[in-house]
């Protein structure tokens, strides 16, 4: 088991049943793409336009659509270098911020450019920072981004880890791509360490986790939350009080409403043992300390409900994906069953989506995504209910691009959009979960699928009731807007 990095934490005061039947699915026109070498993403809404991105050996493009997904324009991003990487878009009411990187000799260089609501450059690309490639692990290394929820602060950061020491460089930008400050600091431990991804608070404060993986499964026997204010020169380091436990899959994010950073994950009582339960805590940003740490063991009934033959191993492949914090201080932890296996011997074509990634290799990587589990606990850490969304998704040599799910939050509602496929058929499902643990699952009608293969986890929510999904059809791509 590999220790998971920091990721998404969904903070809601409450949530109710999401309508499981979409009112409408609207498709954009198709464009040609080589999905094995090309790139694509949902950019989002700017003004009255919806933007998507696609890149290939022929060039990089933004496609603009109206509310009905009718094509309005294609913007050629001819300023992007041919081997650009780390391409990310952040949308605002009247502009798009585009960040990208390229190699320049021994350096990795970070650039940024502002596009107006029509996709036109407001200024030439700016060099924001550069770092020696050796700092981030060679030419395959890169900067990472952490953007505050209000999008007023963008932290461009690079980490260089050498055994028990981490060098951290952070450059803070505002929403005009103006450099606010930069810092370079060091953190050391007594053992081999690694770091997770980072998050940025609405005041620009930068947070990143560090941990010491232990044993063959890489569970952490020590976990720290490191923080750095804008322009700070010293890291504040606070250790998560896991005691004699081993942690895995921790997720954190700041809630600006109450000044807390919530934590959720799994734990084991042995460095190479099985998952025994879940961890829950929160970090008080003002007091700079963790509070309300809870280690909640799995019950025998819950282990049995997984359907696994080996009850002790029942949760070992689950990864925490979201944590919903409730008004009473309780929470709903959402995790997904996922593992990668290897098949030796030729077995190309084994799976519904195998056409997209054919292989003649003697060793084939298999991506297995299983059930989604939701565990609800009250403010005292007492389990209330546990529910499963049952699914099985299997594919080969594709990184699991068709698997997992897209999260839909309509502001007081939560749901999951995912492919439900076997070896010879597939359908798109929408499952909703309410505060009492009731699940409602529906299949999107055959008439809305349009003979396309959906990629829900690569989608993005673009408004309070719209989710935009890339859809492949052999060597073509379009985008399907699901209106709830």
Protein backbone atom coordinates (compact mmCIF):
# COMPACT_ATOMS: atom_id res chain seq x y z
CA UNK A 1 0.00 0.00 0.00
CA UNK A 2 1.43 3.39 -1.01
CA UNK A 3 0.75 6.32 1.28
CA UNK A 4 -1.63 8.66 -0.52
CA UNK A 5 -0.92 12.37 -0.91
CA UNK A 6 -3.10 15.24 0.22
CA UNK A 7 -6.18 15.66 -1.90
CA UNK A 8 -9.78 16.75 -2.04
CA UNK A 9 -11.82 17.28 1.12
CA UNK A 10 -15.42 18.21 0.41
CA UNK A 11 -16.73 20.53 3.12
CA UNK A 12 -20.51 20.91 3.34
CA UNK A 13 -22.79 22.02 6.14
CA UNK A 14 -25.38 19.47 5.00
CA UNK A 15 -26.37 17.48 1.95
CA UNK A 16 -29.62 16.03 0.67
CA UNK A 17 -30.69 13.63 -2.03
CA UNK A 18 -29.39 14.50 -5.48
CA UNK A 19 -31.83 13.81 -8.30
CA UNK A 20 -30.43 10.63 -9.81
CA UNK A 21 -32.01 11.21 -13.19
CA UNK A 22 -30.32 13.87 -15.24
CA UNK A 23 -32.74 16.26 -16.89
CA UNK A 24 -30.64 16.59 -20.02
CA UNK A 25 -27.40 15.56 -21.70
CA UNK A 26 -26.03 17.92 -24.36
CA UNK A 27 -23.11 16.95 -26.60
CA UNK A 28 -20.56 19.19 -28.29
CA UNK A 29 -19.44 18.41 -31.87
CA UNK A 30 -16.61 15.90 -32.32
CA UNK A 31 -12.95 16.75 -32.90
CA UNK A 32 -10.19 14.37 -33.97
CA UNK A 33 -7.67 13.35 -31.32
CA UNK A 34 -5.02 10.72 -30.74
CA UNK A 35 -6.03 9.83 -27.20
CA UNK A 36 -2.84 7.83 -26.59
CA UNK A 37 -0.50 10.77 -27.24
CA UNK A 38 -2.82 13.77 -26.97
CA UNK A 39 -4.22 15.60 -23.95
CA UNK A 40 -7.59 17.09 -23.10
CA UNK A 41 -9.43 18.65 -20.18
CA UNK A 42 -12.49 20.63 -19.16
CA UNK A 43 -11.53 24.26 -18.58
CA UNK A 44 -14.86 25.68 -17.35
CA UNK A 45 -17.21 28.62 -17.76
CA UNK A 46 -16.04 32.16 -18.46
CA UNK A 47 -18.73 34.76 -19.10
CA UNK A 48 -21.32 33.14 -21.36
CA UNK A 49 -18.86 30.63 -22.83
CA UNK A 50 -17.81 27.11 -21.87
CA UNK A 51 -14.20 26.20 -22.68
CA UNK A 52 -12.45 22.87 -23.22
CA UNK A 53 -8.82 22.13 -24.02
CA UNK A 54 -7.13 19.64 -26.34
CA UNK A 55 -3.52 19.19 -27.31
CA UNK A 56 -1.64 16.99 -29.76
CA UNK A 57 1.40 16.96 -31.99
CA UNK A 58 -0.51 19.33 -34.29
CA UNK A 59 -0.90 22.00 -31.60
CA UNK A 60 -2.84 23.18 -28.56
CA UNK A 61 -6.39 24.51 -28.71
CA UNK A 62 -9.19 26.01 -26.63
CA UNK A 63 -12.68 25.28 -27.92
CA UNK A 64 -15.47 27.66 -26.97
CA UNK A 65 -19.14 26.62 -26.77
CA UNK A 66 -22.42 28.31 -25.95
CA UNK A 67 -24.91 27.09 -23.36
CA UNK A 68 -26.21 24.44 -25.78
CA UNK A 69 -22.66 23.20 -26.50
CA UNK A 70 -22.77 24.63 -30.01
CA UNK A 71 -19.25 25.41 -31.18
CA UNK A 72 -18.45 29.13 -31.20
CA UNK A 73 -14.71 29.33 -31.82
CA UNK A 74 -11.38 27.55 -31.64
CA UNK A 75 -8.48 29.48 -30.09
CA UNK A 76 -5.02 28.34 -31.19
CA UNK A 77 -2.60 28.46 -28.26
CA UNK A 78 0.41 28.88 -30.51
CA UNK A 79 2.51 30.42 -27.72
CA UNK A 80 2.69 27.07 -25.92
CA UNK A 81 5.98 25.27 -26.64
CA UNK A 82 5.70 21.88 -28.34
CA UNK A 83 6.84 20.03 -25.23
CA UNK A 84 4.92 22.03 -22.66
CA UNK A 85 3.87 20.18 -19.51
CA UNK A 86 2.09 20.95 -16.25
CA UNK A 87 -0.65 22.73 -18.22
CA UNK A 88 -3.45 23.91 -15.91
CA UNK A 89 -6.35 26.33 -16.32
CA UNK A 90 -8.12 28.40 -13.64
CA UNK A 91 -11.32 30.19 -14.62
CA UNK A 92 -12.75 33.48 -13.34
CA UNK A 93 -15.81 35.49 -14.28
CA UNK A 94 -13.98 37.32 -17.07
CA UNK A 95 -10.67 35.55 -17.65
CA UNK A 96 -8.63 32.34 -17.68
CA UNK A 97 -5.25 31.90 -16.01
CA UNK A 98 -3.07 29.38 -17.85
CA UNK A 99 0.00 27.91 -16.15
CA UNK A 100 2.54 25.73 -17.95
CA UNK A 101 6.17 24.57 -17.76
CA UNK A 102 8.99 23.71 -20.10
CA UNK A 103 12.59 22.53 -19.92
CA UNK A 104 15.35 25.05 -20.58
CA UNK A 105 18.68 23.26 -20.46
CA UNK A 106 19.14 22.17 -16.85
CA UNK A 107 16.25 24.31 -15.64
CA UNK A 108 12.54 23.77 -15.37
CA UNK A 109 10.81 27.06 -16.07
CA UNK A 110 7.32 28.02 -14.88
CA UNK A 111 5.22 30.33 -17.05
CA UNK A 112 1.82 31.94 -16.77
CA UNK A 113 -0.47 33.82 -19.13
CA UNK A 114 -3.85 35.52 -18.78
CA UNK A 115 -6.55 34.98 -21.41
CA UNK A 116 -9.63 37.20 -21.61
CA UNK A 117 -13.23 35.93 -21.83
CA UNK A 118 -12.76 35.39 -25.58
CA UNK A 119 -9.63 33.29 -25.05
CA UNK A 120 -7.28 36.04 -26.30
CA UNK A 121 -3.94 36.77 -24.61
CA UNK A 122 -4.14 39.76 -22.27
CA UNK A 123 -0.33 39.81 -22.03
CA UNK A 124 2.63 37.80 -23.22
CA UNK A 125 3.57 34.68 -21.21
CA UNK A 126 5.43 35.60 -18.03
CA UNK A 127 8.34 33.65 -16.62
CA UNK A 128 7.23 33.15 -13.01
CA UNK A 129 10.07 31.05 -11.65
CA UNK A 130 12.76 28.57 -12.58
CA UNK A 131 14.54 25.81 -10.70
CA UNK A 132 17.37 23.42 -11.44
CA UNK A 133 15.91 20.13 -12.65
CA UNK A 134 17.96 18.28 -10.07
CA UNK A 135 16.00 20.06 -7.33
CA UNK A 136 12.80 18.23 -8.32
CA UNK A 137 14.31 14.92 -9.37
CA UNK A 138 15.62 15.53 -12.87
CA UNK A 139 13.95 16.35 -16.18
CA UNK A 140 10.85 14.35 -15.24
CA UNK A 141 10.29 16.56 -12.19
CA UNK A 142 8.02 19.58 -12.19
CA UNK A 143 6.41 22.35 -10.22
CA UNK A 144 3.03 21.75 -8.61
CA UNK A 145 0.15 24.14 -7.97
CA UNK A 146 -2.03 24.82 -4.94
CA UNK A 147 -4.83 27.35 -5.44
CA UNK A 148 -6.94 28.81 -2.66
CA UNK A 149 -10.68 28.23 -2.69
CA UNK A 150 -11.34 31.91 -3.42
CA UNK A 151 -8.74 31.74 -6.24
CA UNK A 152 -7.03 34.89 -4.96
CA UNK A 153 -3.78 33.07 -4.12
CA UNK A 154 -1.86 30.62 -6.30
CA UNK A 155 1.10 28.81 -4.80
CA UNK A 156 3.55 27.42 -7.35
CA UNK A 157 5.80 25.07 -5.45
CA UNK A 158 8.61 22.57 -5.94
CA UNK A 159 9.88 19.94 -3.53
CA UNK A 160 13.22 18.16 -3.54
CA UNK A 161 13.44 15.16 -1.18
CA UNK A 162 16.75 13.49 -0.39
CA UNK A 163 16.26 10.67 2.11
CA UNK A 164 15.53 12.51 5.37
CA UNK A 165 15.51 16.09 4.06
CA UNK A 166 13.05 18.10 2.00
CA UNK A 167 13.84 21.39 0.28
CA UNK A 168 10.67 23.36 -0.43
CA UNK A 169 10.39 26.34 -2.76
CA UNK A 170 7.10 28.30 -2.88
CA UNK A 171 6.20 31.23 -5.15
CA UNK A 172 2.94 33.02 -4.34
CA UNK A 173 0.96 34.69 -7.13
CA UNK A 174 -2.21 36.76 -7.01
CA UNK A 175 -5.12 36.39 -9.42
CA UNK A 176 -3.38 38.79 -11.82
CA UNK A 177 -0.32 36.50 -11.98
CA UNK A 178 1.66 39.12 -10.07
CA UNK A 179 4.36 37.66 -7.85
CA UNK A 180 3.55 38.32 -4.18
CA UNK A 181 6.54 36.65 -2.58
CA UNK A 182 8.74 33.57 -2.63
CA UNK A 183 10.38 31.38 0.01
CA UNK A 184 12.77 28.46 0.15
CA UNK A 185 12.91 26.41 3.34
CA UNK A 186 14.12 23.01 4.53
CA UNK A 187 12.49 20.30 6.66
CA UNK A 188 14.41 17.33 8.09
CA UNK A 189 13.42 14.13 9.89
CA UNK A 190 15.24 11.26 11.55
CA UNK A 191 14.14 8.71 8.91
CA UNK A 192 13.43 8.41 5.22
CA UNK A 193 10.59 10.75 4.32
CA UNK A 194 8.21 11.71 1.56
CA UNK A 195 5.70 14.50 1.00
CA UNK A 196 2.11 14.84 -0.14
CA UNK A 197 0.46 17.45 -2.29
CA UNK A 198 -0.29 20.88 -0.85
CA UNK A 199 -3.21 23.21 -0.25
CA UNK A 200 -3.49 26.97 0.09
CA UNK A 201 -5.81 28.83 2.45
CA UNK A 202 -7.83 31.87 1.43
CA UNK A 203 -5.24 34.07 3.17
CA UNK A 204 -2.47 32.51 1.09
CA UNK A 205 -1.09 30.34 3.88
CA UNK A 206 0.57 27.26 2.40
CA UNK A 207 0.15 23.76 3.87
CA UNK A 208 1.90 20.53 2.91
CA UNK A 209 2.20 17.14 4.58
CA UNK A 210 5.36 15.17 5.26
CA UNK A 211 5.51 11.58 6.47
CA UNK A 212 7.90 8.71 7.09
CA UNK A 213 6.81 5.58 5.18
CA UNK A 214 7.55 2.37 7.03
CA UNK A 215 7.43 -1.31 6.14
CA UNK A 216 6.62 -2.99 2.83
CA UNK A 217 3.23 -1.26 2.54
CA UNK A 218 4.57 2.24 3.07
CA UNK A 219 2.31 3.10 6.00
CA UNK A 220 3.38 6.23 7.87
CA UNK A 221 4.59 5.98 11.45
CA UNK A 222 4.93 9.78 11.65
CA UNK A 223 2.91 12.48 9.88
CA UNK A 224 3.47 16.24 10.01
CA UNK A 225 1.47 19.16 8.76
CA UNK A 226 3.86 21.88 7.61
CA UNK A 227 2.65 25.44 7.09
CA UNK A 228 4.18 28.60 5.69
CA UNK A 229 2.58 32.07 5.52
CA UNK A 230 3.06 34.22 2.42
CA UNK A 231 6.74 35.12 2.30
CA UNK A 232 7.50 33.14 5.47
CA UNK A 233 11.03 32.01 6.22
CA UNK A 234 10.28 29.32 8.81
CA UNK A 235 8.03 26.26 8.51
CA UNK A 236 5.59 25.59 11.32
CA UNK A 237 5.58 21.82 11.86
CA UNK A 238 2.91 20.00 13.87
CA UNK A 239 2.81 16.23 14.18
CA UNK A 240 -0.45 14.32 13.85
CA UNK A 241 -0.91 12.43 17.17
CA UNK A 242 -1.20 8.90 15.78
CA UNK A 243 0.77 7.38 18.67
CA UNK A 244 1.66 3.76 17.98
CA UNK A 245 -0.62 3.54 14.94
CA UNK A 246 0.36 3.59 11.27
CA UNK A 247 -1.53 5.95 8.97
CA UNK A 248 -2.41 5.67 5.28
CA UNK A 249 -4.45 7.65 2.79
CA UNK A 250 -4.75 10.89 4.76
CA UNK A 251 -6.63 13.81 3.18
CA UNK A 252 -6.81 17.40 4.40
CA UNK A 253 -8.26 20.77 3.43
CA UNK A 254 -8.87 24.13 5.08
CA UNK A 255 -12.42 25.19 5.92
CA UNK A 256 -12.31 28.98 5.86
CA UNK A 257 -15.60 29.24 7.76
CA UNK A 258 -14.31 27.85 11.05
CA UNK A 259 -10.54 28.09 10.69
CA UNK A 260 -10.01 24.34 10.72
CA UNK A 261 -8.20 21.88 8.54
CA UNK A 262 -9.93 18.50 8.64
CA UNK A 263 -8.15 15.17 8.37
CA UNK A 264 -9.40 11.72 7.40
CA UNK A 265 -7.75 8.42 6.52
CA UNK A 266 -7.14 4.80 7.49
CA UNK A 267 -4.92 3.25 10.11
CA UNK A 268 -3.25 -0.05 10.95
CA UNK A 269 -1.79 -1.17 14.26
CA UNK A 270 1.13 -2.92 12.50
CA UNK A 271 3.54 -1.53 9.93
CA UNK A 272 2.68 -4.32 7.50
CA UNK A 273 -0.77 -5.08 8.87
CA UNK A 274 -4.30 -4.69 7.59
CA UNK A 275 -6.46 -1.58 7.83
CA UNK A 276 -8.15 -1.69 11.24
CA UNK A 277 -10.26 1.46 11.08
CA UNK A 278 -10.43 5.13 10.17
CA UNK A 279 -8.70 8.24 11.50
CA UNK A 280 -10.46 11.56 11.99
CA UNK A 281 -9.07 14.82 13.37
CA UNK A 282 -8.87 18.51 12.69
CA UNK A 283 -6.11 21.09 12.89
CA UNK A 284 -6.90 24.40 14.58
CA UNK A 285 -5.18 26.94 12.34
CA UNK A 286 -5.12 29.71 14.95
CA UNK A 287 -3.88 27.51 17.82
CA UNK A 288 -1.59 25.57 15.43
CA UNK A 289 -2.44 22.18 16.92
CA UNK A 290 -4.42 19.06 16.12
CA UNK A 291 -7.59 18.47 18.12
CA UNK A 292 -10.30 15.82 18.42
CA UNK A 293 -8.12 12.97 17.17
CA UNK A 294 -10.16 9.77 16.80
CA UNK A 295 -9.21 6.25 15.72
CA UNK A 296 -12.47 4.41 14.97
CA UNK A 297 -12.16 0.63 14.43
CA UNK A 298 -14.13 -1.30 11.82
CA UNK A 299 -16.88 -3.53 13.21
CA UNK A 300 -17.18 -7.19 12.25
CA UNK A 301 -20.51 -6.43 10.57
CA UNK A 302 -18.90 -3.74 8.45
CA UNK A 303 -16.11 -6.06 7.36
CA UNK A 304 -18.69 -8.69 6.43
CA UNK A 305 -20.66 -6.14 4.39
CA UNK A 306 -17.75 -5.69 1.98
CA UNK A 307 -18.38 -9.19 0.65
CA UNK A 308 -14.68 -10.04 0.78
CA UNK A 309 -13.76 -13.61 1.66
CA UNK A 310 -10.86 -12.53 3.84
CA UNK A 311 -12.51 -10.18 6.34
CA UNK A 312 -9.17 -9.04 7.81
CA UNK A 313 -8.07 -7.75 4.39
CA UNK A 314 -11.48 -6.30 3.49
CA UNK A 315 -10.42 -2.62 3.48
CA UNK A 316 -6.78 -2.86 2.47
CA UNK A 317 -7.37 -1.60 -1.07
CA UNK A 318 -9.67 1.29 -0.19
CA UNK A 319 -8.43 4.86 -0.76
CA UNK A 320 -10.01 7.90 0.91
CA UNK A 321 -11.45 10.22 -1.74
CA UNK A 322 -13.65 12.72 0.13
CA UNK A 323 -14.60 13.73 3.65
CA UNK A 324 -17.90 15.51 4.25
CA UNK A 325 -18.02 17.46 7.52
CA UNK A 326 -21.45 17.85 9.12
CA UNK A 327 -22.92 20.58 11.31
CA UNK A 328 -22.60 18.53 14.51
CA UNK A 329 -18.87 18.00 14.02
CA UNK A 330 -19.46 14.55 12.62
CA UNK A 331 -18.40 13.45 9.19
CA UNK A 332 -19.00 11.14 6.25
CA UNK A 333 -15.82 9.54 4.91
CA UNK A 334 -15.98 8.41 1.28
CA UNK A 335 -13.45 5.90 -0.03
CA UNK A 336 -13.04 3.75 -3.15
CA UNK A 337 -11.68 0.25 -3.63
CA UNK A 338 -8.72 0.42 -6.03
CA UNK A 339 -5.64 -1.61 -6.85
CA UNK A 340 -3.27 -2.27 -9.74
CA UNK A 341 -2.39 -5.83 -10.65
CA UNK A 342 -0.11 -7.36 -13.29
CA UNK A 343 -1.01 -10.15 -15.66
CA UNK A 344 1.88 -12.11 -17.16
CA UNK A 345 1.35 -13.73 -20.51
CA UNK A 346 -0.32 -12.16 -23.52
CA UNK A 347 -3.93 -11.16 -22.85
CA UNK A 348 -4.55 -8.09 -24.99
CA UNK A 349 -8.18 -7.19 -25.56
CA UNK A 350 -9.39 -8.49 -22.20
CA UNK A 351 -11.85 -5.78 -21.18
CA UNK A 352 -14.53 -3.52 -22.61
CA UNK A 353 -12.22 -0.54 -23.23
CA UNK A 354 -9.14 -2.50 -24.32
CA UNK A 355 -9.51 -1.29 -27.91
CA UNK A 356 -8.20 2.10 -26.85
CA UNK A 357 -4.93 0.77 -25.43
CA UNK A 358 -3.95 -2.43 -27.27
CA UNK A 359 -0.73 -4.06 -26.17
CA UNK A 360 1.44 -6.97 -27.28
CA UNK A 361 3.52 -6.93 -24.09
CA UNK A 362 4.00 -10.11 -22.10
CA UNK A 363 3.27 -8.23 -18.88
CA UNK A 364 0.04 -6.22 -18.70
CA UNK A 365 -0.98 -3.75 -15.97
CA UNK A 366 -4.57 -4.14 -14.88
CA UNK A 367 -6.55 -1.33 -13.22
CA UNK A 368 -9.23 -2.48 -10.82
CA UNK A 369 -11.75 -0.03 -9.35
CA UNK A 370 -14.40 -1.45 -7.05
CA UNK A 371 -17.06 -0.26 -4.62
CA UNK A 372 -17.43 3.22 -3.15
CA UNK A 373 -18.01 3.19 0.62
CA UNK A 374 -19.51 5.99 2.73
CA UNK A 375 -19.02 5.83 6.52
CA UNK A 376 -20.98 8.28 8.68
CA UNK A 377 -19.96 9.12 12.27
CA UNK A 378 -21.50 11.63 14.69
CA UNK A 379 -19.68 14.45 16.48
CA UNK A 380 -18.42 12.03 19.13
CA UNK A 381 -16.92 9.68 16.56
CA UNK A 382 -19.67 7.08 16.98
CA UNK A 383 -20.51 5.21 13.74
CA UNK A 384 -24.04 5.94 12.48
CA UNK A 385 -24.33 4.13 9.16
CA UNK A 386 -22.24 2.68 6.34
CA UNK A 387 -23.38 2.37 2.74
CA UNK A 388 -21.85 0.94 -0.43
CA UNK A 389 -22.24 1.98 -4.04
CA UNK A 390 -21.52 -1.31 -5.75
CA UNK A 391 -19.47 -1.29 -8.93
CA UNK A 392 -16.66 -3.18 -10.62
CA UNK A 393 -14.44 -1.50 -13.21
CA UNK A 394 -11.56 -3.29 -14.90
CA UNK A 395 -9.26 -2.16 -17.71
CA UNK A 396 -5.74 -2.70 -19.05
CA UNK A 397 -2.82 -0.35 -19.70
CA UNK A 398 -4.99 2.79 -19.66
CA UNK A 399 -4.31 4.21 -16.20
CA UNK A 400 -7.93 3.48 -15.32
CA UNK A 401 -9.02 6.49 -17.36
CA UNK A 402 -12.56 5.12 -17.86
CA UNK A 403 -12.93 4.05 -14.22
CA UNK A 404 -13.57 5.66 -10.81
CA UNK A 405 -16.19 8.44 -10.73
CA UNK A 406 -16.96 12.13 -11.05
CA UNK A 407 -18.28 13.97 -8.00
CA UNK A 408 -21.34 16.20 -8.38
CA UNK A 409 -22.19 18.80 -5.70
CA UNK A 410 -25.20 20.98 -6.41
CA UNK A 411 -24.98 22.94 -3.15
CA UNK A 412 -26.82 20.83 -0.60
CA UNK A 413 -26.65 17.69 -2.73
CA UNK A 414 -23.99 15.10 -3.57
CA UNK A 415 -23.81 12.39 -6.19
CA UNK A 416 -21.50 10.13 -8.17
CA UNK A 417 -21.30 9.76 -11.96
CA UNK A 418 -19.50 6.61 -13.16
CA UNK A 419 -19.20 3.94 -15.82
CA UNK A 420 -20.63 0.56 -14.89
CA UNK A 421 -19.03 -1.88 -17.30
CA UNK A 422 -18.37 -5.55 -17.85
CA UNK A 423 -16.25 -7.27 -20.50
CA UNK A 424 -18.73 -6.61 -23.30
CA UNK A 425 -21.03 -3.76 -22.27
CA UNK A 426 -21.04 -0.43 -20.46
CA UNK A 427 -23.58 2.04 -19.10
CA UNK A 428 -23.34 5.39 -17.35
CA UNK A 429 -24.78 5.48 -13.84
CA UNK A 430 -25.67 8.29 -11.45
CA UNK A 431 -25.86 7.45 -7.72
CA UNK A 432 -26.97 9.85 -5.00
CA UNK A 433 -26.54 9.70 -1.24
CA UNK A 434 -28.52 11.62 1.39
CA UNK A 435 -27.78 12.53 4.99
CA UNK A 436 -29.57 9.42 6.28
CA UNK A 437 -27.53 7.08 4.11
CA UNK A 438 -30.20 6.47 1.49
CA UNK A 439 -28.83 5.66 -1.95
CA UNK A 440 -30.68 6.21 -5.22
CA UNK A 441 -29.02 4.89 -8.39
CA UNK A 442 -30.20 5.37 -11.96
CA UNK A 443 -28.85 4.60 -15.40
CA UNK A 444 -28.61 7.38 -17.95
CA UNK A 445 -30.85 6.33 -20.81
CA UNK A 446 -29.33 4.60 -23.83
CA UNK A 447 -30.50 7.48 -26.01
CA UNK A 448 -28.17 9.95 -24.25
CA UNK A 449 -25.00 7.89 -24.57
CA UNK A 450 -24.69 8.60 -28.32
CA UNK A 451 -22.35 5.62 -28.76
CA UNK A 452 -19.58 7.41 -26.89
CA UNK A 453 -17.28 6.19 -24.14
CA UNK A 454 -17.46 8.52 -21.15
CA UNK A 455 -14.58 9.55 -18.88
CA UNK A 456 -16.43 10.75 -15.74
CA UNK A 457 -13.40 11.16 -13.48
CA UNK A 458 -11.83 13.51 -16.08
CA UNK A 459 -14.95 15.69 -15.98
CA UNK A 460 -15.55 18.89 -14.06
CA UNK A 461 -18.49 20.61 -12.45
CA UNK A 462 -18.90 23.90 -14.34
CA UNK A 463 -21.94 25.33 -12.54
CA UNK A 464 -24.21 24.51 -9.62
CA UNK A 465 -26.16 21.96 -11.69
CA UNK A 466 -23.93 21.13 -14.67
CA UNK A 467 -21.14 18.57 -15.04
CA UNK A 468 -19.05 18.42 -18.23
CA UNK A 469 -17.54 15.07 -19.25
CA UNK A 470 -15.03 14.21 -22.00
CA UNK A 471 -16.40 11.48 -24.28
CA UNK A 472 -14.38 9.38 -26.73
CA UNK A 473 -15.53 7.68 -29.90
CA UNK A 474 -12.58 5.86 -31.40
CA UNK A 475 -10.26 8.65 -32.66
CA UNK A 476 -12.67 11.46 -31.87
CA UNK A 477 -13.51 13.45 -28.75
CA UNK A 478 -16.55 15.44 -27.72
CA UNK A 479 -17.84 16.74 -24.38
CA UNK A 480 -21.16 15.82 -22.81
CA UNK A 481 -22.82 18.33 -20.49
CA UNK A 482 -25.05 16.68 -17.91
CA UNK A 483 -27.71 19.06 -16.57
CA UNK A 484 -29.25 17.99 -13.25
